[in-house]
Amino acid sequence: MGELPLLKRIRTDFEDEGLVLVNVSVDRNCDRTRKMIADRSLDWPQVCDGGGFEGELARAFSVDGTPTQYVLNREGRIVSKVTARLLRTAVATALAGASGSRVPSDVLREESRRDRWQRPDDVLTALGAKEGAAIADIGAGRGYFTARIADAVGSAGRVYAVEIDPREIERLTARATAERRPNVSVIAGKPDDPRLPEGALDAVLIVNAYHEIEHYTAMLEHLHRSLKPGGRLVIEEHVADSRRAAAREEQVRSHEIAPALVERELRAAGFDQIERREPFTRNEEGDARWLIVARRPAEAK
């Protein structure tokens, strides 16, 4: 049960709003379930009927695989069935938060679809996201990766969600509040400056936003300074094969950019150990996406 640390944090963060966790086991061996409960010191209700996937509990919740997370409202209706990485968002949406702030209703739906092709766990691995790390999400949008990085770095870590659009800044702030994420700092950046602390970051992520950065030379300089020596910059984008050799301006007009062009810009900004993964994944439209991992040199040049 790799989800247990996450479940424990969510329970702690939301129990004052009435969140109750119940673990339903579909193991036919309930003695094994009881031993697991004792070994892991679980103190919330645990249920096992010994019926496996054919049991009454499994049929009642249409369980077709484990682990599966269901969120029920106060009337006992299932309002969402989500993966562990979306559970905090689903809980925040269902409870609406004591402050009245909540996550937009379509976020769960959009992020559930995106999880199927985005390979978020592999992106987190590329970032080196771990407990206590400090990571920036540039062009954070609605917070898809901000939320996932926040879970990965934990309460000892810090996520800097950078946006320049005032509407997105407002949404990011509301989401961080609703999802009880005190380790997220929302930053109103500038087109040429993310306004990040210098030498403080373990990694920086830019997904589908690098092509939008008009002042990319100044931005890369700032990102280079914000990273610790050896820190990583991870960029994910896409480009049509027909425009790989096109001028930068033409690629940008099509909201895309070629990896070879980005690699040259990264080297010019002082990054090294550049690794390209292509194709990294394909989105819902079937577009191939690439991913680059670069590092600030361990010894500043």
C-alpha atoms as a PDB file:
ATOM      1  CA  MET A   1       0.000   0.000   0.000  1.00  0.00           C
ATOM      2  CA  GLY A   2       2.300   2.727  -1.280  1.00  0.00           C
ATOM      3  CA  GLU A   3      -0.532   5.241  -0.901  1.00  0.00           C
ATOM      4  CA  LEU A   4      -0.506   5.065   2.904  1.00  0.00           C
ATOM      5  CA  PRO A   5       1.771   8.094   3.556  1.00  0.00           C
ATOM      6  CA  LEU A   6      -0.396  10.176   1.204  1.00  0.00           C
ATOM      7  CA  LEU A   7      -3.609   8.953   2.839  1.00  0.00           C
ATOM      8  CA  LYS A   8      -2.277   9.795   6.288  1.00  0.00           C
ATOM      9  CA  ARG A   9      -1.357  13.341   5.217  1.00  0.00           C
ATOM     10  CA  ILE A  10      -4.736  13.914   3.581  1.00  0.00           C
ATOM     11  CA  ARG A  11      -6.545  12.646   6.658  1.00  0.00           C
ATOM     12  CA  THR A  12      -4.557  14.962   8.924  1.00  0.00           C
ATOM     13  CA  ASP A  13      -5.132  17.963   6.669  1.00  0.00           C
ATOM     14  CA  PHE A  14      -8.899  17.518   6.225  1.00  0.00           C
ATOM     15  CA  GLU A  15     -10.223  15.735   9.319  1.00  0.00           C
ATOM     16  CA  ASP A  16     -11.251  19.070  10.856  1.00  0.00           C
ATOM     17  CA  GLU A  17     -13.639  19.506   7.906  1.00  0.00           C
ATOM     18  CA  GLY A  18     -15.245  16.133   8.521  1.00  0.00           C
ATOM     19  CA  LEU A  19     -13.157  13.810   6.328  1.00  0.00           C
ATOM     20  CA  VAL A  20     -13.447  10.164   7.377  1.00  0.00           C
ATOM     21  CA  LEU A  21     -11.256   7.465   5.855  1.00  0.00           C
ATOM     22  CA  VAL A  22     -12.491   3.882   5.576  1.00  0.00           C
ATOM     23  CA  ASN A  23     -10.336   1.125   4.105  1.00  0.00           C
ATOM     24  CA  VAL A  24     -12.248  -1.663   2.349  1.00  0.00           C
ATOM     25  CA  SER A  25     -10.200  -4.803   1.685  1.00  0.00           C
ATOM     26  CA  VAL A  26     -11.102  -7.224  -1.106  1.00  0.00           C
ATOM     27  CA  ASP A  27      -8.634  -9.784   0.210  1.00  0.00           C
ATOM     28  CA  ARG A  28     -10.277 -13.170   0.744  1.00  0.00           C
ATOM     29  CA  ASN A  29      -7.948 -13.709   3.706  1.00  0.00           C
ATOM     30  CA  CYS A  30      -9.175 -11.273   6.366  1.00  0.00           C
ATOM     31  CA  ASP A  31      -6.517 -12.469   8.827  1.00  0.00           C
ATOM     32  CA  ARG A  32      -3.911 -11.137   6.403  1.00  0.00           C
ATOM     33  CA  THR A  33      -5.794  -7.839   6.274  1.00  0.00           C
ATOM     34  CA  ARG A  34      -5.842  -7.606  10.070  1.00  0.00           C
ATOM     35  CA  LYS A  35      -2.082  -8.272  10.204  1.00  0.00           C
ATOM     36  CA  MET A  36      -1.484  -5.512   7.647  1.00  0.00           C
ATOM     37  CA  ILE A  37      -3.554  -3.105   9.766  1.00  0.00           C
ATOM     38  CA  ALA A  38      -1.513  -3.958  12.870  1.00  0.00           C
ATOM     39  CA  ASP A  39       1.843  -3.805  11.076  1.00  0.00           C
ATOM     40  CA  ARG A  40       1.103  -0.353   9.640  1.00  0.00           C
ATOM     41  CA  SER A  41      -0.596   1.028  12.752  1.00  0.00           C
ATOM     42  CA  LEU A  42      -3.692   2.128  10.843  1.00  0.00           C
ATOM     43  CA  ASP A  43      -6.181   3.765  13.162  1.00  0.00           C
ATOM     44  CA  TRP A  44      -9.082   4.411  10.807  1.00  0.00           C
ATOM     45  CA  PRO A  45     -11.923   1.930  10.166  1.00  0.00           C
ATOM     46  CA  GLN A  46     -10.999  -1.181   8.170  1.00  0.00           C
ATOM     47  CA  VAL A  47     -13.546  -3.498   6.577  1.00  0.00           C
ATOM     48  CA  CYS A  48     -13.072  -6.978   5.081  1.00  0.00           C
ATOM     49  CA  ASP A  49     -15.863  -9.399   4.097  1.00  0.00           C
ATOM     50  CA  GLY A  50     -13.609 -12.161   2.727  1.00  0.00           C
ATOM     51  CA  GLY A  51     -15.482 -12.203  -0.555  1.00  0.00           C
ATOM     52  CA  GLY A  52     -12.741 -10.897  -2.816  1.00  0.00           C
ATOM     53  CA  PHE A  53     -13.881  -9.193  -6.000  1.00  0.00           C
ATOM     54  CA  GLU A  54     -17.102 -11.213  -5.896  1.00  0.00           C
ATOM     55  CA  GLY A  55     -17.944 -10.058  -2.372  1.00  0.00           C
ATOM     56  CA  GLU A  56     -20.761  -7.742  -1.381  1.00  0.00           C
ATOM     57  CA  LEU A  57     -18.459  -4.780  -0.734  1.00  0.00           C
ATOM     58  CA  ALA A  58     -16.632  -5.113  -4.051  1.00  0.00           C
ATOM     59  CA  ARG A  59     -19.913  -5.352  -5.955  1.00  0.00           C
ATOM     60  CA  ALA A  60     -21.409  -2.387  -4.097  1.00  0.00           C
ATOM     61  CA  PHE A  61     -18.556  -0.124  -5.211  1.00  0.00           C
ATOM     62  CA  SER A  62     -17.951  -1.743  -8.623  1.00  0.00           C
ATOM     63  CA  VAL A  63     -14.344  -2.458  -7.655  1.00  0.00           C
ATOM     64  CA  ASP A  64     -12.429  -3.761 -10.664  1.00  0.00           C
ATOM     65  CA  GLY A  65      -8.895  -3.284  -9.383  1.00  0.00           C
ATOM     66  CA  THR A  66      -6.917  -2.136  -6.378  1.00  0.00           C
ATOM     67  CA  PRO A  67      -5.965   0.228  -4.971  1.00  0.00           C
ATOM     68  CA  THR A  68      -8.965   2.377  -5.894  1.00  0.00           C
ATOM     69  CA  GLN A  69     -10.018   5.566  -4.100  1.00  0.00           C
ATOM     70  CA  TYR A  70     -13.670   6.584  -3.857  1.00  0.00           C
ATOM     71  CA  VAL A  71     -14.887   9.899  -2.449  1.00  0.00           C
ATOM     72  CA  LEU A  72     -18.382   9.912  -0.954  1.00  0.00           C
ATOM     73  CA  ASN A  73     -20.272  13.029   0.042  1.00  0.00           C
ATOM     74  CA  ARG A  74     -22.093  13.532   3.340  1.00  0.00           C
ATOM     75  CA  GLU A  75     -25.200  11.857   1.891  1.00  0.00           C
ATOM     76  CA  GLY A  76     -23.209   8.696   1.142  1.00  0.00           C
ATOM     77  CA  ARG A  77     -23.168   9.135  -2.643  1.00  0.00           C
ATOM     78  CA  ILE A  78     -20.006   8.392  -4.619  1.00  0.00           C
ATOM     79  CA  VAL A  79     -18.931  11.682  -6.153  1.00  0.00           C
ATOM     80  CA  SER A  80     -15.623  10.553  -7.649  1.00  0.00           C
ATOM     81  CA  LYS A  81     -13.434   7.526  -8.291  1.00  0.00           C
ATOM     82  CA  VAL A  82      -9.833   8.630  -8.600  1.00  0.00           C
ATOM     83  CA  THR A  83      -6.217   7.560  -8.544  1.00  0.00           C
ATOM     84  CA  ALA A  84      -4.157   8.293  -5.443  1.00  0.00           C
ATOM     85  CA  ARG A  85      -2.510  11.319  -7.069  1.00  0.00           C
ATOM     86  CA  LEU A  86      -5.938  12.959  -7.561  1.00  0.00           C
ATOM     87  CA  LEU A  87      -7.355  12.083  -4.156  1.00  0.00           C
ATOM     88  CA  ARG A  88      -6.457  15.362  -2.443  1.00  0.00           C
ATOM     89  CA  THR A  89      -8.064  17.322  -5.270  1.00  0.00           C
ATOM     90  CA  ALA A  90     -11.192  15.141  -5.117  1.00  0.00           C
ATOM     91  CA  VAL A  91     -11.466  15.539  -1.347  1.00  0.00           C
ATOM     92  CA  ALA A  92     -11.042  19.319  -1.563  1.00  0.00           C
ATOM     93  CA  THR A  93     -13.701  19.501  -4.256  1.00  0.00           C
ATOM     94  CA  ALA A  94     -16.152  17.389  -2.247  1.00  0.00           C
ATOM     95  CA  LEU A  95     -15.649  19.284   1.008  1.00  0.00           C
ATOM     96  CA  ALA A  96     -15.458  22.736  -0.631  1.00  0.00           C
ATOM     97  CA  GLY A  97     -13.217  23.882   2.226  1.00  0.00           C
ATOM     98  CA  ALA A  98     -14.059  25.887   5.301  1.00  0.00           C
ATOM     99  CA  SER A  99     -13.101  29.058   3.416  1.00  0.00           C
ATOM    100  CA  GLY A 100     -15.570  28.323   0.642  1.00  0.00           C
ATOM    101  CA  SER A 101     -12.779  28.084  -1.942  1.00  0.00           C
ATOM    102  CA  ARG A 102     -12.725  25.014  -4.138  1.00  0.00           C
ATOM    103  CA  VAL A 103     -11.133  23.496  -7.183  1.00  0.00           C
ATOM    104  CA  PRO A 104     -13.044  24.105 -10.457  1.00  0.00           C
ATOM    105  CA  SER A 105     -15.352  21.172 -11.168  1.00  0.00           C
ATOM    106  CA  ASP A 106     -13.711  20.307 -14.482  1.00  0.00           C
ATOM    107  CA  VAL A 107     -10.173  20.004 -13.077  1.00  0.00           C
ATOM    108  CA  LEU A 108     -10.675  16.444 -11.828  1.00  0.00           C
ATOM    109  CA  ARG A 109     -12.023  15.364 -15.194  1.00  0.00           C
ATOM    110  CA  GLU A 110      -9.254  17.057 -17.190  1.00  0.00           C
ATOM    111  CA  GLU A 111      -6.433  15.835 -14.957  1.00  0.00           C
ATOM    112  CA  SER A 112      -7.767  12.286 -14.881  1.00  0.00           C
ATOM    113  CA  ARG A 113      -7.617  12.227 -18.694  1.00  0.00           C
ATOM    114  CA  ARG A 114      -4.183  13.841 -18.724  1.00  0.00           C
ATOM    115  CA  ASP A 115      -2.813  11.261 -16.285  1.00  0.00           C
ATOM    116  CA  ARG A 116      -3.410   8.600 -18.930  1.00  0.00           C
ATOM    117  CA  TRP A 117      -0.849  10.062 -21.367  1.00  0.00           C
ATOM    118  CA  GLN A 118       1.296  12.615 -19.494  1.00  0.00           C
ATOM    119  CA  ARG A 119       3.525  10.123 -17.583  1.00  0.00           C
ATOM    120  CA  PRO A 120       3.641  12.413 -14.517  1.00  0.00           C
ATOM    121  CA  ASP A 121       5.609   9.934 -12.401  1.00  0.00           C
ATOM    122  CA  ASP A 122       8.368   9.834 -15.020  1.00  0.00           C
ATOM    123  CA  VAL A 123       8.453  13.639 -15.104  1.00  0.00           C
ATOM    124  CA  LEU A 124       8.804  13.700 -11.309  1.00  0.00           C
ATOM    125  CA  THR A 125      11.647  11.195 -11.582  1.00  0.00           C
ATOM    126  CA  ALA A 126      13.352  13.381 -14.198  1.00  0.00           C
ATOM    127  CA  LEU A 127      13.090  16.310 -11.772  1.00  0.00           C
ATOM    128  CA  GLY A 128      14.536  14.252  -8.925  1.00  0.00           C
ATOM    129  CA  ALA A 129      11.458  15.204  -6.895  1.00  0.00           C
ATOM    130  CA  LYS A 130      11.800  13.802  -3.388  1.00  0.00           C
ATOM    131  CA  GLU A 131      10.953  14.650   0.196  1.00  0.00           C
ATOM    132  CA  GLY A 132      12.355  18.052   1.135  1.00  0.00           C
ATOM    133  CA  ALA A 133      13.223  19.238  -2.387  1.00  0.00           C
ATOM    134  CA  ALA A 134      12.591  22.782  -3.643  1.00  0.00           C
ATOM    135  CA  ILE A 135      11.171  22.829  -7.184  1.00  0.00           C
ATOM    136  CA  ALA A 136       9.682  25.525  -9.430  1.00  0.00           C
ATOM    137  CA  ASP A 137       6.846  24.966 -11.903  1.00  0.00           C
ATOM    138  CA  ILE A 138       7.132  27.651 -14.607  1.00  0.00           C
ATOM    139  CA  GLY A 139       3.900  28.455 -16.431  1.00  0.00           C
ATOM    140  CA  ALA A 140       2.031  26.405 -13.831  1.00  0.00           C
ATOM    141  CA  GLY A 141      -1.402  26.993 -15.367  1.00  0.00           C
ATOM    142  CA  ARG A 142      -4.112  25.349 -13.282  1.00  0.00           C
ATOM    143  CA  GLY A 143      -1.564  23.498 -11.184  1.00  0.00           C
ATOM    144  CA  TYR A 144      -1.479  20.017 -12.709  1.00  0.00           C
ATOM    145  CA  PHE A 145       2.214  19.522 -11.972  1.00  0.00           C
ATOM    146  CA  THR A 146       2.279  21.908  -9.009  1.00  0.00           C
ATOM    147  CA  ALA A 147      -0.063  19.558  -7.133  1.00  0.00           C
ATOM    148  CA  ARG A 148       1.923  16.443  -8.006  1.00  0.00           C
ATOM    149  CA  ILE A 149       5.260  18.014  -7.127  1.00  0.00           C
ATOM    150  CA  ALA A 150       3.811  19.215  -3.818  1.00  0.00           C
ATOM    151  CA  ASP A 151       2.856  15.640  -2.915  1.00  0.00           C
ATOM    152  CA  ALA A 152       6.312  14.380  -3.903  1.00  0.00           C
ATOM    153  CA  VAL A 153       8.349  16.926  -1.904  1.00  0.00           C
ATOM    154  CA  GLY A 154       6.104  16.764   1.167  1.00  0.00           C
ATOM    155  CA  SER A 155       5.783  19.185   4.025  1.00  0.00           C
ATOM    156  CA  ALA A 156       9.558  19.631   4.251  1.00  0.00           C
ATOM    157  CA  GLY A 157       9.772  20.709   0.607  1.00  0.00           C
ATOM    158  CA  ARG A 158       8.670  23.762  -1.316  1.00  0.00           C
ATOM    159  CA  VAL A 159       6.990  24.282  -4.695  1.00  0.00           C
ATOM    160  CA  TYR A 160       7.144  27.637  -6.452  1.00  0.00           C
ATOM    161  CA  ALA A 161       4.221  27.886  -8.889  1.00  0.00           C
ATOM    162  CA  VAL A 162       5.093  30.695 -11.294  1.00  0.00           C
ATOM    163  CA  GLU A 163       2.547  32.403 -13.544  1.00  0.00           C
ATOM    164  CA  ILE A 164       2.237  35.792 -15.253  1.00  0.00           C
ATOM    165  CA  ASP A 165      -1.514  35.637 -15.951  1.00  0.00           C
ATOM    166  CA  PRO A 166      -3.432  37.231 -13.039  1.00  0.00           C
ATOM    167  CA  ARG A 167      -6.370  34.863 -13.562  1.00  0.00           C
ATOM    168  CA  GLU A 168      -4.158  31.802 -13.316  1.00  0.00           C
ATOM    169  CA  ILE A 169      -2.434  33.243 -10.256  1.00  0.00           C
ATOM    170  CA  GLU A 170      -5.822  33.615  -8.592  1.00  0.00           C
ATOM    171  CA  ARG A 171      -6.814  30.040  -9.516  1.00  0.00           C
ATOM    172  CA  LEU A 172      -3.504  28.600  -8.317  1.00  0.00           C
ATOM    173  CA  THR A 173      -3.807  30.407  -5.002  1.00  0.00           C
ATOM    174  CA  ALA A 174      -7.391  29.202  -4.535  1.00  0.00           C
ATOM    175  CA  ARG A 175      -6.417  25.640  -5.364  1.00  0.00           C
ATOM    176  CA  ALA A 176      -3.461  25.592  -2.976  1.00  0.00           C
ATOM    177  CA  THR A 177      -5.751  26.894  -0.226  1.00  0.00           C
ATOM    178  CA  ALA A 178      -8.583  24.457  -0.971  1.00  0.00           C
ATOM    179  CA  GLU A 179      -6.230  21.475  -1.150  1.00  0.00           C
ATOM    180  CA  ARG A 180      -4.409  22.478   2.037  1.00  0.00           C
ATOM    181  CA  ARG A 181      -0.997  22.810   0.428  1.00  0.00           C
ATOM    182  CA  PRO A 182       1.094  25.120   2.635  1.00  0.00           C
ATOM    183  CA  ASN A 183       4.233  23.975   0.805  1.00  0.00           C
ATOM    184  CA  VAL A 184       3.108  25.774  -2.382  1.00  0.00           C
ATOM    185  CA  SER A 185       4.158  29.380  -2.990  1.00  0.00           C
ATOM    186  CA  VAL A 186       2.375  31.081  -5.885  1.00  0.00           C
ATOM    187  CA  ILE A 187       4.590  33.667  -7.579  1.00  0.00           C
ATOM    188  CA  ALA A 188       3.532  36.425  -9.958  1.00  0.00           C
ATOM    189  CA  GLY A 189       6.425  36.263 -12.380  1.00  0.00           C
ATOM    190  CA  LYS A 190       7.454  38.617 -15.154  1.00  0.00           C
ATOM    191  CA  PRO A 191       7.836  37.730 -18.840  1.00  0.00           C
ATOM    192  CA  ASP A 192      11.627  37.818 -18.454  1.00  0.00           C
ATOM    193  CA  ASP A 193      11.999  36.974 -14.749  1.00  0.00           C
ATOM    194  CA  PRO A 194      10.343  34.189 -12.711  1.00  0.00           C
ATOM    195  CA  ARG A 195      11.282  36.033  -9.497  1.00  0.00           C
ATOM    196  CA  LEU A 196      12.727  32.942  -7.832  1.00  0.00           C
ATOM    197  CA  PRO A 197      15.250  32.880  -4.973  1.00  0.00           C
ATOM    198  CA  GLU A 198      18.841  32.513  -6.177  1.00  0.00           C
ATOM    199  CA  GLY A 199      20.729  29.265  -5.628  1.00  0.00           C
ATOM    200  CA  ALA A 200      17.783  27.731  -3.766  1.00  0.00           C
ATOM    201  CA  LEU A 201      16.183  25.255  -6.164  1.00  0.00           C
ATOM    202  CA  ASP A 202      16.862  21.583  -6.773  1.00  0.00           C
ATOM    203  CA  ALA A 203      14.913  21.585 -10.040  1.00  0.00           C
ATOM    204  CA  VAL A 204      12.774  23.648 -12.396  1.00  0.00           C
ATOM    205  CA  LEU A 205       9.997  22.334 -14.645  1.00  0.00           C
ATOM    206  CA  ILE A 206       8.588  23.941 -17.805  1.00  0.00           C
ATOM    207  CA  VAL A 207       5.828  21.972 -19.551  1.00  0.00           C
ATOM    208  CA  ASN A 208       4.241  23.280 -22.745  1.00  0.00           C
ATOM    209  CA  ALA A 209       5.261  26.829 -21.864  1.00  0.00           C
ATOM    210  CA  TYR A 210       8.859  27.311 -23.046  1.00  0.00           C
ATOM    211  CA  HIS A 211       7.700  28.270 -26.549  1.00  0.00           C
ATOM    212  CA  GLU A 212       5.605  31.054 -24.986  1.00  0.00           C
ATOM    213  CA  ILE A 213       8.614  32.693 -23.319  1.00  0.00           C
ATOM    214  CA  GLU A 214       9.511  35.623 -25.550  1.00  0.00           C
ATOM    215  CA  HIS A 215      12.508  36.730 -23.488  1.00  0.00           C
ATOM    216  CA  TYR A 216      13.957  33.226 -23.258  1.00  0.00           C
ATOM    217  CA  THR A 217      17.600  34.330 -22.933  1.00  0.00           C
ATOM    218  CA  ALA A 218      16.890  36.438 -19.841  1.00  0.00           C
ATOM    219  CA  MET A 219      14.550  33.756 -18.461  1.00  0.00           C
ATOM    220  CA  LEU A 220      17.185  31.025 -18.782  1.00  0.00           C
ATOM    221  CA  GLU A 221      19.742  33.244 -17.087  1.00  0.00           C
ATOM    222  CA  HIS A 222      17.402  33.728 -14.135  1.00  0.00           C
ATOM    223  CA  LEU A 223      16.607  30.010 -13.968  1.00  0.00           C
ATOM    224  CA  HIS A 224      20.315  29.159 -14.065  1.00  0.00           C
ATOM    225  CA  ARG A 225      20.921  31.456 -11.099  1.00  0.00           C
ATOM    226  CA  SER A 226      17.935  30.079  -9.172  1.00  0.00           C
ATOM    227  CA  LEU A 227      19.218  26.501  -9.318  1.00  0.00           C
ATOM    228  CA  LYS A 228      21.703  25.015  -6.908  1.00  0.00           C
ATOM    229  CA  PRO A 229      24.909  23.708  -8.537  1.00  0.00           C
ATOM    230  CA  GLY A 230      23.904  20.406 -10.121  1.00  0.00           C
ATOM    231  CA  GLY A 231      20.227  21.397 -10.142  1.00  0.00           C
ATOM    232  CA  ARG A 232      18.013  20.223 -12.997  1.00  0.00           C
ATOM    233  CA  LEU A 233      15.952  22.040 -15.606  1.00  0.00           C
ATOM    234  CA  VAL A 234      13.306  19.817 -17.227  1.00  0.00           C
ATOM    235  CA  ILE A 235      11.456  21.025 -20.337  1.00  0.00           C
ATOM    236  CA  GLU A 236       8.665  19.200 -22.151  1.00  0.00           C
ATOM    237  CA  GLU A 237       7.243  20.397 -25.485  1.00  0.00           C
ATOM    238  CA  HIS A 238       6.301  19.139 -28.928  1.00  0.00           C
ATOM    239  CA  VAL A 239       6.970  20.047 -32.566  1.00  0.00           C
ATOM    240  CA  ALA A 240       5.525  18.833 -35.840  1.00  0.00           C
ATOM    241  CA  ASP A 241       8.017  17.009 -38.069  1.00  0.00           C
ATOM    242  CA  SER A 242       7.213  19.442 -40.861  1.00  0.00           C
ATOM    243  CA  ARG A 243       8.422  22.401 -38.777  1.00  0.00           C
ATOM    244  CA  ARG A 244      11.550  20.969 -37.132  1.00  0.00           C
ATOM    245  CA  ALA A 245      13.828  22.946 -39.430  1.00  0.00           C
ATOM    246  CA  ALA A 246      11.656  26.057 -39.499  1.00  0.00           C
ATOM    247  CA  ALA A 247      12.693  29.385 -37.983  1.00  0.00           C
ATOM    248  CA  ARG A 248      12.041  29.837 -34.300  1.00  0.00           C
ATOM    249  CA  GLU A 249       9.405  32.488 -34.971  1.00  0.00           C
ATOM    250  CA  GLU A 250       7.417  30.126 -37.196  1.00  0.00           C
ATOM    251  CA  GLN A 251       7.524  27.352 -34.601  1.00  0.00           C
ATOM    252  CA  VAL A 252       6.382  29.713 -31.853  1.00  0.00           C
ATOM    253  CA  ARG A 253       3.466  30.930 -33.956  1.00  0.00           C
ATOM    254  CA  SER A 254       2.349  27.274 -34.085  1.00  0.00           C
ATOM    255  CA  HIS A 255       2.751  26.971 -30.284  1.00  0.00           C
ATOM    256  CA  GLU A 256       5.604  24.493 -30.497  1.00  0.00           C
ATOM    257  CA  ILE A 257       9.391  24.340 -30.584  1.00  0.00           C
ATOM    258  CA  ALA A 258      12.057  21.883 -31.747  1.00  0.00           C
ATOM    259  CA  PRO A 259      14.275  20.181 -29.138  1.00  0.00           C
ATOM    260  CA  ALA A 260      17.501  20.848 -31.068  1.00  0.00           C
ATOM    261  CA  LEU A 261      16.774  24.572 -30.930  1.00  0.00           C
ATOM    262  CA  VAL A 262      16.125  24.433 -27.183  1.00  0.00           C
ATOM    263  CA  GLU A 263      19.331  22.464 -26.590  1.00  0.00           C
ATOM    264  CA  ARG A 264      21.364  25.206 -28.282  1.00  0.00           C
ATOM    265  CA  GLU A 265      19.694  27.855 -26.129  1.00  0.00           C
ATOM    266  CA  LEU A 266      20.348  25.848 -22.971  1.00  0.00           C
ATOM    267  CA  ARG A 267      24.039  25.454 -23.750  1.00  0.00           C
ATOM    268  CA  ALA A 268      24.325  29.170 -24.476  1.00  0.00           C
ATOM    269  CA  ALA A 269      22.818  29.856 -21.043  1.00  0.00           C
ATOM    270  CA  GLY A 270      25.427  27.676 -19.313  1.00  0.00           C
ATOM    271  CA  PHE A 271      23.544  24.412 -18.845  1.00  0.00           C
ATOM    272  CA  ASP A 272      25.202  21.063 -19.512  1.00  0.00           C
ATOM    273  CA  GLN A 273      24.617  17.289 -19.238  1.00  0.00           C
ATOM    274  CA  ILE A 274      21.711  17.760 -21.601  1.00  0.00           C
ATOM    275  CA  GLU A 275      19.668  14.601 -22.145  1.00  0.00           C
ATOM    276  CA  ARG A 276      16.840  14.348 -24.683  1.00  0.00           C
ATOM    277  CA  ARG A 277      14.035  11.772 -24.554  1.00  0.00           C
ATOM    278  CA  GLU A 278      12.102  11.620 -27.797  1.00  0.00           C
ATOM    279  CA  PRO A 279       9.403  10.672 -28.191  1.00  0.00           C
ATOM    280  CA  PHE A 280       8.664  10.970 -24.485  1.00  0.00           C
ATOM    281  CA  THR A 281       4.905  10.576 -24.742  1.00  0.00           C
ATOM    282  CA  ARG A 282       1.912  11.349 -26.978  1.00  0.00           C
ATOM    283  CA  ASN A 283      -1.006  13.540 -25.978  1.00  0.00           C
ATOM    284  CA  GLU A 284      -4.693  12.782 -26.595  1.00  0.00           C
ATOM    285  CA  GLU A 285      -4.413  14.122 -30.152  1.00  0.00           C
ATOM    286  CA  GLY A 286      -1.516  11.751 -30.842  1.00  0.00           C
ATOM    287  CA  ASP A 287       1.144  14.487 -30.995  1.00  0.00           C
ATOM    288  CA  ALA A 288       4.599  13.201 -30.048  1.00  0.00           C
ATOM    289  CA  ARG A 289       6.159  15.146 -27.176  1.00  0.00           C
ATOM    290  CA  TRP A 290       9.817  15.418 -26.247  1.00  0.00           C
ATOM    291  CA  LEU A 291      11.484  15.945 -22.874  1.00  0.00           C
ATOM    292  CA  ILE A 292      14.879  17.477 -22.122  1.00  0.00           C
ATOM    293  CA  VAL A 293      16.765  17.269 -18.824  1.00  0.00           C
ATOM    294  CA  ALA A 294      19.618  19.757 -18.381  1.00  0.00           C
ATOM    295  CA  ARG A 295      21.709  20.681 -15.365  1.00  0.00           C
ATOM    296  CA  ARG A 296      23.415  23.694 -13.949  1.00  0.00           C
ATOM    297  CA  PRO A 297      27.061  22.588 -13.711  1.00  0.00           C
ATOM    298  CA  ALA A 298      28.088  21.308 -10.311  1.00  0.00           C
ATOM    299  CA  GLU A 299      30.763  23.993 -10.273  1.00  0.00           C
ATOM    300  CA  ALA A 300      29.369  27.312 -11.531  1.00  0.00           C
ATOM    301  CA  LYS A 301      31.097  28.479 -14.691  1.00  0.00           C
END
